[in-house]
């Protein structure tokens, strides 16, 4: 095990803790062309899928059609919750953003914008160390490890990310029908800045940010359910679908702990009904109460997507190991997601 010493977003020292995950490799594709599979703590580097060796290697055209990347950030502050993403599908790019006012329960902005065919409108970072950008039709996004800048006719964001209280999760695994996928999840980042909407200005001071950078060679049909919630003291990331339990993790008191496969119990026809989410290792059991949702259904003939991302709060309990005391969770802000893609 490796020791990590961190500072909380409020500037206070966090006790040294032991991460139960090994440190992330220098490159996720090793010198022998094999991906470094499993869950790690640290930074995702070197998603050079063209360097893959058999049996994971594919030709350039196959990689172009199956290579998917997205860079996502969620910002949670006292009065505002926002989410922003830049997505590269290989043959086109897109982005979306939304902003929810927590005081009045109003969705103040909710938009998406497609890029030109290919990658003319967006540049996705090659791994989690870089910035991803999107620019088209009055929408500009620049998202990276240090912050987020967004300009659009409906929403503006200037956000700076500070220190996280715990190491990031790096996960890499094989994908049935595809090849390899890798992701980095970072939560509890100290947050400064401002969100501007038609209603006014919303400070982000004292809030937290979480970042999802994902990069992989995925199957033509891909589906998942996802849940994520973070504050300065604890956070979690859960996925059920194409990536199995590879990215399931809990952040608690400066530590990063792997979690078992997750179960999602919810009404797929009405995602604004409560969700129950729990893990098979008896380390997490939460009820999610949605407040609003972003939805999008598209059929482009050669591709299709059905997507809903509710925002709300999680309540219940978590713990780092099955024999550890339960930590109660009360109204932790976060999102769930239900997504099917034919891409």
C-alpha atoms as a PDB file:
ATOM      1  CA  UNK A   1       0.000   0.000   0.000  1.00  0.00           C
ATOM      2  CA  UNK A   2       1.047   3.545  -0.596  1.00  0.00           C
ATOM      3  CA  UNK A   3       0.682   6.499   1.753  1.00  0.00           C
ATOM      4  CA  UNK A   4      -0.956   9.706   0.595  1.00  0.00           C
ATOM      5  CA  UNK A   5      -0.920  13.022   2.399  1.00  0.00           C
ATOM      6  CA  UNK A   6      -3.455  15.568   1.231  1.00  0.00           C
ATOM      7  CA  UNK A   7      -4.865  18.897   2.202  1.00  0.00           C
ATOM      8  CA  UNK A   8      -8.552  19.491   2.300  1.00  0.00           C
ATOM      9  CA  UNK A   9     -10.159  22.216   0.165  1.00  0.00           C
ATOM     10  CA  UNK A  10     -10.529  24.289   3.327  1.00  0.00           C
ATOM     11  CA  UNK A  11      -6.780  24.302   3.924  1.00  0.00           C
ATOM     12  CA  UNK A  12      -6.748  21.971   6.934  1.00  0.00           C
ATOM     13  CA  UNK A  13      -4.431  19.007   7.049  1.00  0.00           C
ATOM     14  CA  UNK A  14      -5.850  15.551   6.474  1.00  0.00           C
ATOM     15  CA  UNK A  15      -4.302  12.660   8.377  1.00  0.00           C
ATOM     16  CA  UNK A  16      -2.075  10.315   6.444  1.00  0.00           C
ATOM     17  CA  UNK A  17      -4.146   7.383   5.204  1.00  0.00           C
ATOM     18  CA  UNK A  18      -3.502   4.198   3.304  1.00  0.00           C
ATOM     19  CA  UNK A  19      -4.986   3.833  -0.142  1.00  0.00           C
ATOM     20  CA  UNK A  20      -6.029   0.266  -0.813  1.00  0.00           C
ATOM     21  CA  UNK A  21      -5.150   0.646  -4.489  1.00  0.00           C
ATOM     22  CA  UNK A  22      -1.672   0.490  -6.062  1.00  0.00           C
ATOM     23  CA  UNK A  23      -0.216   3.618  -7.668  1.00  0.00           C
ATOM     24  CA  UNK A  24      -1.159   4.360 -11.266  1.00  0.00           C
ATOM     25  CA  UNK A  25       1.385   3.290 -13.898  1.00  0.00           C
ATOM     26  CA  UNK A  26       3.523   5.732 -15.812  1.00  0.00           C
ATOM     27  CA  UNK A  27       1.592   4.781 -18.979  1.00  0.00           C
ATOM     28  CA  UNK A  28      -1.666   2.841 -19.178  1.00  0.00           C
ATOM     29  CA  UNK A  29      -0.312   1.038 -22.277  1.00  0.00           C
ATOM     30  CA  UNK A  30       2.911  -0.626 -21.211  1.00  0.00           C
ATOM     31  CA  UNK A  31       6.131  -0.940 -23.160  1.00  0.00           C
ATOM     32  CA  UNK A  32       5.051  -4.433 -24.245  1.00  0.00           C
ATOM     33  CA  UNK A  33       1.828  -3.074 -25.762  1.00  0.00           C
ATOM     34  CA  UNK A  34      -0.369  -4.587 -23.054  1.00  0.00           C
ATOM     35  CA  UNK A  35      -2.828  -2.366 -21.154  1.00  0.00           C
ATOM     36  CA  UNK A  36      -2.252  -2.104 -17.408  1.00  0.00           C
ATOM     37  CA  UNK A  37      -5.593  -3.461 -16.235  1.00  0.00           C
ATOM     38  CA  UNK A  38      -7.227  -2.875 -12.855  1.00  0.00           C
ATOM     39  CA  UNK A  39      -7.898  -0.034 -10.438  1.00  0.00           C
ATOM     40  CA  UNK A  40      -5.139   2.329  -9.322  1.00  0.00           C
ATOM     41  CA  UNK A  41      -4.673   5.578  -7.420  1.00  0.00           C
ATOM     42  CA  UNK A  42      -3.090   8.536  -9.198  1.00  0.00           C
ATOM     43  CA  UNK A  43      -3.130  10.070 -12.676  1.00  0.00           C
ATOM     44  CA  UNK A  44      -4.187   8.452 -15.948  1.00  0.00           C
ATOM     45  CA  UNK A  45      -1.367   8.760 -18.478  1.00  0.00           C
ATOM     46  CA  UNK A  46      -0.600   7.400 -21.915  1.00  0.00           C
ATOM     47  CA  UNK A  47      -3.877   6.302 -23.513  1.00  0.00           C
ATOM     48  CA  UNK A  48      -1.976   5.474 -26.689  1.00  0.00           C
ATOM     49  CA  UNK A  49      -4.270   2.810 -28.094  1.00  0.00           C
ATOM     50  CA  UNK A  50      -2.324   2.678 -31.363  1.00  0.00           C
ATOM     51  CA  UNK A  51       0.492   1.087 -29.328  1.00  0.00           C
ATOM     52  CA  UNK A  52      -1.660  -1.861 -28.246  1.00  0.00           C
ATOM     53  CA  UNK A  53      -0.282  -5.298 -29.097  1.00  0.00           C
ATOM     54  CA  UNK A  54      -2.326  -8.406 -29.958  1.00  0.00           C
ATOM     55  CA  UNK A  55      -4.850  -9.566 -28.926  1.00  0.00           C
ATOM     56  CA  UNK A  56      -6.040  -6.006 -28.195  1.00  0.00           C
ATOM     57  CA  UNK A  57      -4.595  -4.351 -31.309  1.00  0.00           C
ATOM     58  CA  UNK A  58      -6.924  -3.152 -34.063  1.00  0.00           C
ATOM     59  CA  UNK A  59      -6.386  -1.436 -37.411  1.00  0.00           C
ATOM     60  CA  UNK A  60      -6.533   2.344 -37.753  1.00  0.00           C
ATOM     61  CA  UNK A  61     -10.022   2.466 -39.302  1.00  0.00           C
ATOM     62  CA  UNK A  62     -11.503   0.263 -36.563  1.00  0.00           C
ATOM     63  CA  UNK A  63      -9.893   2.438 -33.893  1.00  0.00           C
ATOM     64  CA  UNK A  64     -11.255   5.594 -35.511  1.00  0.00           C
ATOM     65  CA  UNK A  65     -14.808   4.232 -35.505  1.00  0.00           C
ATOM     66  CA  UNK A  66     -14.664   2.767 -31.996  1.00  0.00           C
ATOM     67  CA  UNK A  67     -12.565   5.390 -30.202  1.00  0.00           C
ATOM     68  CA  UNK A  68     -14.732   7.356 -27.743  1.00  0.00           C
ATOM     69  CA  UNK A  69     -13.586  10.033 -25.317  1.00  0.00           C
ATOM     70  CA  UNK A  70     -15.405  12.343 -22.941  1.00  0.00           C
ATOM     71  CA  UNK A  71     -14.357  14.961 -20.429  1.00  0.00           C
ATOM     72  CA  UNK A  72     -17.012  15.850 -17.837  1.00  0.00           C
ATOM     73  CA  UNK A  73     -17.108  18.139 -14.824  1.00  0.00           C
ATOM     74  CA  UNK A  74     -19.773  18.624 -12.145  1.00  0.00           C
ATOM     75  CA  UNK A  75     -19.720  21.752  -9.980  1.00  0.00           C
ATOM     76  CA  UNK A  76     -21.606  21.747  -6.683  1.00  0.00           C
ATOM     77  CA  UNK A  77     -22.013  24.951  -4.656  1.00  0.00           C
ATOM     78  CA  UNK A  78     -24.494  26.257  -2.106  1.00  0.00           C
ATOM     79  CA  UNK A  79     -26.913  27.729  -4.647  1.00  0.00           C
ATOM     80  CA  UNK A  80     -25.914  26.122  -7.928  1.00  0.00           C
ATOM     81  CA  UNK A  81     -25.165  22.730  -9.483  1.00  0.00           C
ATOM     82  CA  UNK A  82     -23.706  22.571 -13.010  1.00  0.00           C
ATOM     83  CA  UNK A  83     -22.492  19.865 -15.350  1.00  0.00           C
ATOM     84  CA  UNK A  84     -20.428  20.323 -18.520  1.00  0.00           C
ATOM     85  CA  UNK A  85     -19.076  17.760 -20.993  1.00  0.00           C
ATOM     86  CA  UNK A  86     -17.050  17.627 -24.202  1.00  0.00           C
ATOM     87  CA  UNK A  87     -17.425  14.381 -26.167  1.00  0.00           C
ATOM     88  CA  UNK A  88     -15.468  12.911 -29.092  1.00  0.00           C
ATOM     89  CA  UNK A  89     -17.245  10.030 -30.852  1.00  0.00           C
ATOM     90  CA  UNK A  90     -14.457   9.519 -33.380  1.00  0.00           C
ATOM     91  CA  UNK A  91     -16.503  10.609 -36.399  1.00  0.00           C
ATOM     92  CA  UNK A  92     -18.084  13.684 -34.752  1.00  0.00           C
ATOM     93  CA  UNK A  93     -17.874  15.773 -31.600  1.00  0.00           C
ATOM     94  CA  UNK A  94     -20.486  17.271 -29.314  1.00  0.00           C
ATOM     95  CA  UNK A  95     -20.873  19.027 -25.985  1.00  0.00           C
ATOM     96  CA  UNK A  96     -23.534  19.754 -23.403  1.00  0.00           C
ATOM     97  CA  UNK A  97     -24.005  21.858 -20.283  1.00  0.00           C
ATOM     98  CA  UNK A  98     -26.728  22.514 -17.741  1.00  0.00           C
ATOM     99  CA  UNK A  99     -27.139  24.627 -14.616  1.00  0.00           C
ATOM    100  CA  UNK A 100     -29.647  24.023 -11.806  1.00  0.00           C
ATOM    101  CA  UNK A 101     -30.507  26.614  -9.157  1.00  0.00           C
ATOM    102  CA  UNK A 102     -30.847  24.769  -5.884  1.00  0.00           C
ATOM    103  CA  UNK A 103     -32.778  27.500  -4.021  1.00  0.00           C
ATOM    104  CA  UNK A 104     -35.750  27.660  -6.389  1.00  0.00           C
ATOM    105  CA  UNK A 105     -35.395  24.274  -8.053  1.00  0.00           C
ATOM    106  CA  UNK A 106     -35.141  25.778 -11.542  1.00  0.00           C
ATOM    107  CA  UNK A 107     -33.113  24.546 -14.496  1.00  0.00           C
ATOM    108  CA  UNK A 108     -31.623  27.846 -15.684  1.00  0.00           C
ATOM    109  CA  UNK A 109     -29.669  26.490 -18.662  1.00  0.00           C
ATOM    110  CA  UNK A 110     -29.708  23.217 -20.564  1.00  0.00           C
ATOM    111  CA  UNK A 111     -28.181  22.929 -24.029  1.00  0.00           C
ATOM    112  CA  UNK A 112     -26.091  20.789 -26.345  1.00  0.00           C
ATOM    113  CA  UNK A 113     -24.128  21.650 -29.473  1.00  0.00           C
ATOM    114  CA  UNK A 114     -22.701  19.347 -32.122  1.00  0.00           C
ATOM    115  CA  UNK A 115     -19.358  19.962 -33.749  1.00  0.00           C
ATOM    116  CA  UNK A 116     -18.360  19.643 -37.357  1.00  0.00           C
ATOM    117  CA  UNK A 117     -17.812  16.114 -38.693  1.00  0.00           C
ATOM    118  CA  UNK A 118     -14.518  14.717 -37.522  1.00  0.00           C
ATOM    119  CA  UNK A 119     -12.642  16.702 -34.907  1.00  0.00           C
ATOM    120  CA  UNK A 120     -12.669  20.199 -36.369  1.00  0.00           C
ATOM    121  CA  UNK A 121     -14.713  21.776 -33.548  1.00  0.00           C
ATOM    122  CA  UNK A 122     -13.266  19.995 -30.522  1.00  0.00           C
ATOM    123  CA  UNK A 123      -9.971  18.738 -29.203  1.00  0.00           C
ATOM    124  CA  UNK A 124     -10.111  16.069 -26.509  1.00  0.00           C
ATOM    125  CA  UNK A 125      -7.179  15.602 -24.178  1.00  0.00           C
ATOM    126  CA  UNK A 126      -5.116  12.494 -24.907  1.00  0.00           C
ATOM    127  CA  UNK A 127      -5.169  11.617 -21.216  1.00  0.00           C
ATOM    128  CA  UNK A 128      -6.296  13.107 -17.901  1.00  0.00           C
ATOM    129  CA  UNK A 129      -3.411  15.583 -17.702  1.00  0.00           C
ATOM    130  CA  UNK A 130      -4.609  17.713 -20.614  1.00  0.00           C
ATOM    131  CA  UNK A 131      -7.362  20.148 -21.493  1.00  0.00           C
ATOM    132  CA  UNK A 132     -10.334  19.468 -23.743  1.00  0.00           C
ATOM    133  CA  UNK A 133     -11.877  22.260 -25.808  1.00  0.00           C
ATOM    134  CA  UNK A 134     -14.987  22.833 -27.917  1.00  0.00           C
ATOM    135  CA  UNK A 135     -15.772  25.821 -30.130  1.00  0.00           C
ATOM    136  CA  UNK A 136     -18.704  26.294 -32.497  1.00  0.00           C
ATOM    137  CA  UNK A 137     -21.707  28.618 -32.962  1.00  0.00           C
ATOM    138  CA  UNK A 138     -21.057  30.847 -29.979  1.00  0.00           C
ATOM    139  CA  UNK A 139     -20.225  27.987 -27.605  1.00  0.00           C
ATOM    140  CA  UNK A 140     -16.712  27.751 -26.201  1.00  0.00           C
ATOM    141  CA  UNK A 141     -15.558  25.277 -23.538  1.00  0.00           C
ATOM    142  CA  UNK A 142     -12.101  24.743 -22.071  1.00  0.00           C
ATOM    143  CA  UNK A 143     -11.981  22.001 -19.414  1.00  0.00           C
ATOM    144  CA  UNK A 144      -8.877  20.662 -17.708  1.00  0.00           C
ATOM    145  CA  UNK A 145      -7.423  19.583 -14.358  1.00  0.00           C
ATOM    146  CA  UNK A 146      -7.069  23.179 -13.151  1.00  0.00           C
ATOM    147  CA  UNK A 147     -10.451  24.600 -14.110  1.00  0.00           C
ATOM    148  CA  UNK A 148     -13.310  25.206 -16.490  1.00  0.00           C
ATOM    149  CA  UNK A 149     -14.208  28.100 -18.765  1.00  0.00           C
ATOM    150  CA  UNK A 150     -17.508  28.147 -20.649  1.00  0.00           C
ATOM    151  CA  UNK A 151     -19.073  30.811 -22.861  1.00  0.00           C
ATOM    152  CA  UNK A 152     -22.458  30.460 -24.525  1.00  0.00           C
ATOM    153  CA  UNK A 153     -25.565  32.590 -25.110  1.00  0.00           C
ATOM    154  CA  UNK A 154     -27.289  30.781 -22.217  1.00  0.00           C
ATOM    155  CA  UNK A 155     -24.586  30.125 -19.642  1.00  0.00           C
ATOM    156  CA  UNK A 156     -21.126  31.337 -18.625  1.00  0.00           C
ATOM    157  CA  UNK A 157     -18.783  29.666 -16.159  1.00  0.00           C
ATOM    158  CA  UNK A 158     -15.379  30.619 -14.791  1.00  0.00           C
ATOM    159  CA  UNK A 159     -14.208  27.966 -12.328  1.00  0.00           C
ATOM    160  CA  UNK A 160     -10.858  27.162 -10.751  1.00  0.00           C
ATOM    161  CA  UNK A 161     -10.191  23.755  -9.217  1.00  0.00           C
ATOM    162  CA  UNK A 162      -8.008  23.400  -6.150  1.00  0.00           C
ATOM    163  CA  UNK A 163      -6.578  20.467  -4.267  1.00  0.00           C
ATOM    164  CA  UNK A 164      -8.489  17.218  -3.859  1.00  0.00           C
ATOM    165  CA  UNK A 165      -8.558  15.609  -0.393  1.00  0.00           C
ATOM    166  CA  UNK A 166      -7.807  12.137  -1.812  1.00  0.00           C
ATOM    167  CA  UNK A 167      -6.085  10.577  -4.833  1.00  0.00           C
ATOM    168  CA  UNK A 168      -7.937  10.105  -8.102  1.00  0.00           C
ATOM    169  CA  UNK A 169      -9.168   6.711  -9.250  1.00  0.00           C
ATOM    170  CA  UNK A 170      -7.581   5.326 -12.425  1.00  0.00           C
ATOM    171  CA  UNK A 171      -9.310   2.291 -13.917  1.00  0.00           C
ATOM    172  CA  UNK A 172      -8.551   0.258 -17.022  1.00  0.00           C
ATOM    173  CA  UNK A 173     -10.423  -2.793 -18.261  1.00  0.00           C
ATOM    174  CA  UNK A 174     -11.387  -4.866 -21.272  1.00  0.00           C
ATOM    175  CA  UNK A 175     -14.683  -4.198 -23.047  1.00  0.00           C
ATOM    176  CA  UNK A 176     -16.750  -6.922 -24.675  1.00  0.00           C
ATOM    177  CA  UNK A 177     -17.348  -6.053 -28.314  1.00  0.00           C
ATOM    178  CA  UNK A 178     -14.697  -3.339 -28.124  1.00  0.00           C
ATOM    179  CA  UNK A 179     -11.138  -3.534 -26.853  1.00  0.00           C
ATOM    180  CA  UNK A 180      -9.914  -1.487 -23.877  1.00  0.00           C
ATOM    181  CA  UNK A 181     -11.326   1.402 -21.853  1.00  0.00           C
ATOM    182  CA  UNK A 182      -9.670   3.651 -19.259  1.00  0.00           C
ATOM    183  CA  UNK A 183     -10.992   6.374 -16.993  1.00  0.00           C
ATOM    184  CA  UNK A 184      -9.914   8.765 -14.252  1.00  0.00           C
ATOM    185  CA  UNK A 185     -12.391   9.952 -11.621  1.00  0.00           C
ATOM    186  CA  UNK A 186     -11.474  12.860  -9.364  1.00  0.00           C
ATOM    187  CA  UNK A 187     -13.729  14.214  -6.613  1.00  0.00           C
ATOM    188  CA  UNK A 188     -13.893  16.781  -3.834  1.00  0.00           C
ATOM    189  CA  UNK A 189     -11.808  19.413  -5.636  1.00  0.00           C
ATOM    190  CA  UNK A 190     -11.866  22.804  -3.971  1.00  0.00           C
ATOM    191  CA  UNK A 191     -13.886  25.200  -6.094  1.00  0.00           C
ATOM    192  CA  UNK A 192     -13.689  28.925  -6.743  1.00  0.00           C
ATOM    193  CA  UNK A 193     -15.257  31.087  -9.410  1.00  0.00           C
ATOM    194  CA  UNK A 194     -18.662  32.109 -10.695  1.00  0.00           C
ATOM    195  CA  UNK A 195     -21.608  30.906 -12.770  1.00  0.00           C
ATOM    196  CA  UNK A 196     -23.607  33.470 -14.753  1.00  0.00           C
ATOM    197  CA  UNK A 197     -27.101  32.895 -16.119  1.00  0.00           C
ATOM    198  CA  UNK A 198     -29.950  35.115 -17.284  1.00  0.00           C
ATOM    199  CA  UNK A 199     -31.103  35.266 -13.664  1.00  0.00           C
ATOM    200  CA  UNK A 200     -27.852  36.528 -12.210  1.00  0.00           C
ATOM    201  CA  UNK A 201     -24.454  35.579 -10.846  1.00  0.00           C
ATOM    202  CA  UNK A 202     -23.800  32.606  -8.576  1.00  0.00           C
ATOM    203  CA  UNK A 203     -20.547  32.307  -6.600  1.00  0.00           C
ATOM    204  CA  UNK A 204     -18.829  28.925  -6.468  1.00  0.00           C
ATOM    205  CA  UNK A 205     -16.666  29.688  -3.415  1.00  0.00           C
ATOM    206  CA  UNK A 206     -16.799  26.919  -0.853  1.00  0.00           C
ATOM    207  CA  UNK A 207     -18.141  24.357  -3.316  1.00  0.00           C
ATOM    208  CA  UNK A 208     -16.553  21.240  -4.774  1.00  0.00           C
ATOM    209  CA  UNK A 209     -15.936  19.900  -8.258  1.00  0.00           C
ATOM    210  CA  UNK A 210     -15.623  16.393  -9.669  1.00  0.00           C
ATOM    211  CA  UNK A 211     -14.086  15.391 -12.995  1.00  0.00           C
ATOM    212  CA  UNK A 212     -14.593  12.342 -15.210  1.00  0.00           C
ATOM    213  CA  UNK A 213     -12.073  11.765 -18.010  1.00  0.00           C
ATOM    214  CA  UNK A 214     -12.780   8.613 -20.041  1.00  0.00           C
ATOM    215  CA  UNK A 215     -11.004   7.236 -23.104  1.00  0.00           C
ATOM    216  CA  UNK A 216     -11.520   3.880 -24.772  1.00  0.00           C
ATOM    217  CA  UNK A 217     -12.238   1.625 -27.710  1.00  0.00           C
ATOM    218  CA  UNK A 218     -15.887   0.755 -27.118  1.00  0.00           C
ATOM    219  CA  UNK A 219     -18.431  -1.576 -28.643  1.00  0.00           C
ATOM    220  CA  UNK A 220     -20.878  -0.428 -31.318  1.00  0.00           C
ATOM    221  CA  UNK A 221     -23.676  -0.760 -28.715  1.00  0.00           C
ATOM    222  CA  UNK A 222     -22.831   0.519 -25.256  1.00  0.00           C
ATOM    223  CA  UNK A 223     -25.090   0.993 -22.240  1.00  0.00           C
ATOM    224  CA  UNK A 224     -24.600   1.924 -18.623  1.00  0.00           C
ATOM    225  CA  UNK A 225     -26.071   3.287 -15.432  1.00  0.00           C
ATOM    226  CA  UNK A 226     -23.942   5.621 -13.368  1.00  0.00           C
ATOM    227  CA  UNK A 227     -24.067   7.391 -10.012  1.00  0.00           C
ATOM    228  CA  UNK A 228     -21.684   9.985  -8.619  1.00  0.00           C
ATOM    229  CA  UNK A 229     -21.731  12.287  -5.594  1.00  0.00           C
ATOM    230  CA  UNK A 230     -18.962  14.251  -3.909  1.00  0.00           C
ATOM    231  CA  UNK A 231     -18.212  16.810  -1.232  1.00  0.00           C
ATOM    232  CA  UNK A 232     -15.027  17.682   0.648  1.00  0.00           C
ATOM    233  CA  UNK A 233     -15.358  14.745   3.073  1.00  0.00           C
ATOM    234  CA  UNK A 234     -16.638  11.856   1.007  1.00  0.00           C
ATOM    235  CA  UNK A 235     -17.578  10.833  -2.484  1.00  0.00           C
ATOM    236  CA  UNK A 236     -18.326   7.822  -4.617  1.00  0.00           C
ATOM    237  CA  UNK A 237     -18.458   6.669  -8.230  1.00  0.00           C
ATOM    238  CA  UNK A 238     -20.534   3.696  -9.376  1.00  0.00           C
ATOM    239  CA  UNK A 239     -21.199   2.176 -12.792  1.00  0.00           C
ATOM    240  CA  UNK A 240     -23.161  -0.850 -13.925  1.00  0.00           C
ATOM    241  CA  UNK A 241     -22.925  -1.805 -17.578  1.00  0.00           C
ATOM    242  CA  UNK A 242     -20.188  -2.108 -20.179  1.00  0.00           C
ATOM    243  CA  UNK A 243     -17.320  -1.466 -17.727  1.00  0.00           C
ATOM    244  CA  UNK A 244     -18.477  -3.737 -14.900  1.00  0.00           C
ATOM    245  CA  UNK A 245     -17.220  -2.730 -11.456  1.00  0.00           C
ATOM    246  CA  UNK A 246     -13.897  -1.362 -12.711  1.00  0.00           C
ATOM    247  CA  UNK A 247     -14.646   2.249 -11.763  1.00  0.00           C
ATOM    248  CA  UNK A 248     -16.563   1.636  -8.521  1.00  0.00           C
ATOM    249  CA  UNK A 249     -14.870   3.466  -5.664  1.00  0.00           C
ATOM    250  CA  UNK A 250     -15.420   5.352  -2.428  1.00  0.00           C
ATOM    251  CA  UNK A 251     -13.523   8.421  -1.245  1.00  0.00           C
ATOM    252  CA  UNK A 252     -13.682   8.786   2.546  1.00  0.00           C
ATOM    253  CA  UNK A 253     -11.591  10.907   4.932  1.00  0.00           C
ATOM    254  CA  UNK A 254      -8.718  11.221   2.470  1.00  0.00           C
ATOM    255  CA  UNK A 255      -8.724   7.541   1.481  1.00  0.00           C
ATOM    256  CA  UNK A 256      -9.645   5.828  -1.774  1.00  0.00           C
ATOM    257  CA  UNK A 257     -11.344   2.438  -1.475  1.00  0.00           C
ATOM    258  CA  UNK A 258     -12.490  -0.004  -4.174  1.00  0.00           C
ATOM    259  CA  UNK A 259     -16.138  -1.069  -4.191  1.00  0.00           C
ATOM    260  CA  UNK A 260     -17.809  -4.228  -5.467  1.00  0.00           C
ATOM    261  CA  UNK A 261     -20.372  -4.374  -8.314  1.00  0.00           C
ATOM    262  CA  UNK A 262     -23.243  -1.935  -7.931  1.00  0.00           C
ATOM    263  CA  UNK A 263     -26.980  -2.523  -8.199  1.00  0.00           C
ATOM    264  CA  UNK A 264     -29.368   0.164  -9.418  1.00  0.00           C
ATOM    265  CA  UNK A 265     -33.057  -0.137  -8.534  1.00  0.00           C
ATOM    266  CA  UNK A 266     -35.147   2.509 -10.265  1.00  0.00           C
ATOM    267  CA  UNK A 267     -38.031   3.099 -12.631  1.00  0.00           C
ATOM    268  CA  UNK A 268     -36.430   3.291 -16.067  1.00  0.00           C
ATOM    269  CA  UNK A 269     -39.591   4.873 -17.473  1.00  0.00           C
ATOM    270  CA  UNK A 270     -39.627   7.644 -14.860  1.00  0.00           C
ATOM    271  CA  UNK A 271     -36.080   8.563 -13.753  1.00  0.00           C
ATOM    272  CA  UNK A 272     -37.461  11.317 -11.497  1.00  0.00           C
ATOM    273  CA  UNK A 273     -38.745   8.690  -9.089  1.00  0.00           C
ATOM    274  CA  UNK A 274     -36.326   7.756  -6.265  1.00  0.00           C
ATOM    275  CA  UNK A 275     -33.405   5.464  -7.083  1.00  0.00           C
ATOM    276  CA  UNK A 276     -31.805   2.955  -4.718  1.00  0.00           C
ATOM    277  CA  UNK A 277     -28.116   2.248  -5.290  1.00  0.00           C
ATOM    278  CA  UNK A 278     -26.077  -0.278  -3.325  1.00  0.00           C
ATOM    279  CA  UNK A 279     -22.932  -2.392  -3.676  1.00  0.00           C
ATOM    280  CA  UNK A 280     -22.622  -6.152  -3.287  1.00  0.00           C
ATOM    281  CA  UNK A 281     -19.872  -5.833  -0.638  1.00  0.00           C
ATOM    282  CA  UNK A 282     -22.232  -4.109   1.846  1.00  0.00           C
ATOM    283  CA  UNK A 283     -20.143  -0.914   1.764  1.00  0.00           C
ATOM    284  CA  UNK A 284     -22.694   1.493   0.265  1.00  0.00           C
ATOM    285  CA  UNK A 285     -26.473   1.791   0.389  1.00  0.00           C
ATOM    286  CA  UNK A 286     -28.016   5.057  -0.775  1.00  0.00           C
ATOM    287  CA  UNK A 287     -31.350   6.457  -1.883  1.00  0.00           C
ATOM    288  CA  UNK A 288     -31.197   9.104  -4.590  1.00  0.00           C
ATOM    289  CA  UNK A 289     -33.948  11.737  -4.693  1.00  0.00           C
ATOM    290  CA  UNK A 290     -34.013  13.448  -8.114  1.00  0.00           C
ATOM    291  CA  UNK A 291     -34.833  17.142  -8.392  1.00  0.00           C
ATOM    292  CA  UNK A 292     -34.482  17.662 -12.141  1.00  0.00           C
ATOM    293  CA  UNK A 293     -33.017  15.900 -15.153  1.00  0.00           C
ATOM    294  CA  UNK A 294     -31.309  16.513 -18.454  1.00  0.00           C
ATOM    295  CA  UNK A 295     -32.717  14.290 -21.204  1.00  0.00           C
ATOM    296  CA  UNK A 296     -31.795  13.752 -24.817  1.00  0.00           C
ATOM    297  CA  UNK A 297     -32.904  11.146 -27.350  1.00  0.00           C
ATOM    298  CA  UNK A 298     -31.385  11.179 -30.834  1.00  0.00           C
ATOM    299  CA  UNK A 299     -31.566   8.934 -33.878  1.00  0.00           C
ATOM    300  CA  UNK A 300     -29.108   9.799 -36.649  1.00  0.00           C
ATOM    301  CA  UNK A 301     -29.736   6.526 -38.531  1.00  0.00           C
ATOM    302  CA  UNK A 302     -26.090   5.481 -38.371  1.00  0.00           C
ATOM    303  CA  UNK A 303     -26.043   6.275 -34.652  1.00  0.00           C
ATOM    304  CA  UNK A 304     -28.513   6.745 -31.816  1.00  0.00           C
ATOM    305  CA  UNK A 305     -28.495   7.790 -28.178  1.00  0.00           C
ATOM    306  CA  UNK A 306     -30.991   7.697 -25.318  1.00  0.00           C
ATOM    307  CA  UNK A 307     -29.702   9.619 -22.352  1.00  0.00           C
ATOM    308  CA  UNK A 308     -31.067  10.948 -19.068  1.00  0.00           C
ATOM    309  CA  UNK A 309     -29.023  12.475 -16.253  1.00  0.00           C
ATOM    310  CA  UNK A 310     -31.033  13.381 -13.130  1.00  0.00           C
ATOM    311  CA  UNK A 311     -29.592  15.739 -10.533  1.00  0.00           C
ATOM    312  CA  UNK A 312     -30.534  15.401  -6.869  1.00  0.00           C
ATOM    313  CA  UNK A 313     -29.317  14.274  -3.462  1.00  0.00           C
ATOM    314  CA  UNK A 314     -28.145  10.987  -1.939  1.00  0.00           C
ATOM    315  CA  UNK A 315     -28.926   9.853   1.600  1.00  0.00           C
ATOM    316  CA  UNK A 316     -28.038   6.619   3.367  1.00  0.00           C
ATOM    317  CA  UNK A 317     -24.683   5.250   4.477  1.00  0.00           C
ATOM    318  CA  UNK A 318     -21.220   4.241   3.259  1.00  0.00           C
ATOM    319  CA  UNK A 319     -18.188   2.557   4.777  1.00  0.00           C
ATOM    320  CA  UNK A 320     -14.683   1.753   3.614  1.00  0.00           C
ATOM    321  CA  UNK A 321     -14.808  -1.996   4.350  1.00  0.00           C
ATOM    322  CA  UNK A 322     -17.608  -4.413   5.266  1.00  0.00           C
ATOM    323  CA  UNK A 323     -16.537  -4.457   8.920  1.00  0.00           C
ATOM    324  CA  UNK A 324     -15.994  -0.688   9.295  1.00  0.00           C
ATOM    325  CA  UNK A 325     -18.529   1.577  11.054  1.00  0.00           C
ATOM    326  CA  UNK A 326     -21.179   3.036   8.782  1.00  0.00           C
ATOM    327  CA  UNK A 327     -20.870   6.730   7.861  1.00  0.00           C
ATOM    328  CA  UNK A 328     -24.228   8.382   7.428  1.00  0.00           C
ATOM    329  CA  UNK A 329     -24.813  10.389   4.254  1.00  0.00           C
ATOM    330  CA  UNK A 330     -27.404  13.173   4.242  1.00  0.00           C
ATOM    331  CA  UNK A 331     -28.431  15.088   1.120  1.00  0.00           C
ATOM    332  CA  UNK A 332     -25.146  14.693  -0.729  1.00  0.00           C
ATOM    333  CA  UNK A 333     -25.483  16.445  -4.097  1.00  0.00           C
ATOM    334  CA  UNK A 334     -24.836  14.356  -7.175  1.00  0.00           C
ATOM    335  CA  UNK A 335     -26.168  12.741 -10.328  1.00  0.00           C
ATOM    336  CA  UNK A 336     -27.349   9.443 -11.687  1.00  0.00           C
ATOM    337  CA  UNK A 337     -27.403   8.497 -15.347  1.00  0.00           C
ATOM    338  CA  UNK A 338     -29.053   6.050 -17.694  1.00  0.00           C
ATOM    339  CA  UNK A 339     -27.503   5.869 -21.152  1.00  0.00           C
ATOM    340  CA  UNK A 340     -27.753   3.713 -24.246  1.00  0.00           C
ATOM    341  CA  UNK A 341     -25.637   4.488 -27.313  1.00  0.00           C
ATOM    342  CA  UNK A 342     -25.308   2.961 -30.776  1.00  0.00           C
ATOM    343  CA  UNK A 343     -22.210   4.714 -32.020  1.00  0.00           C
END
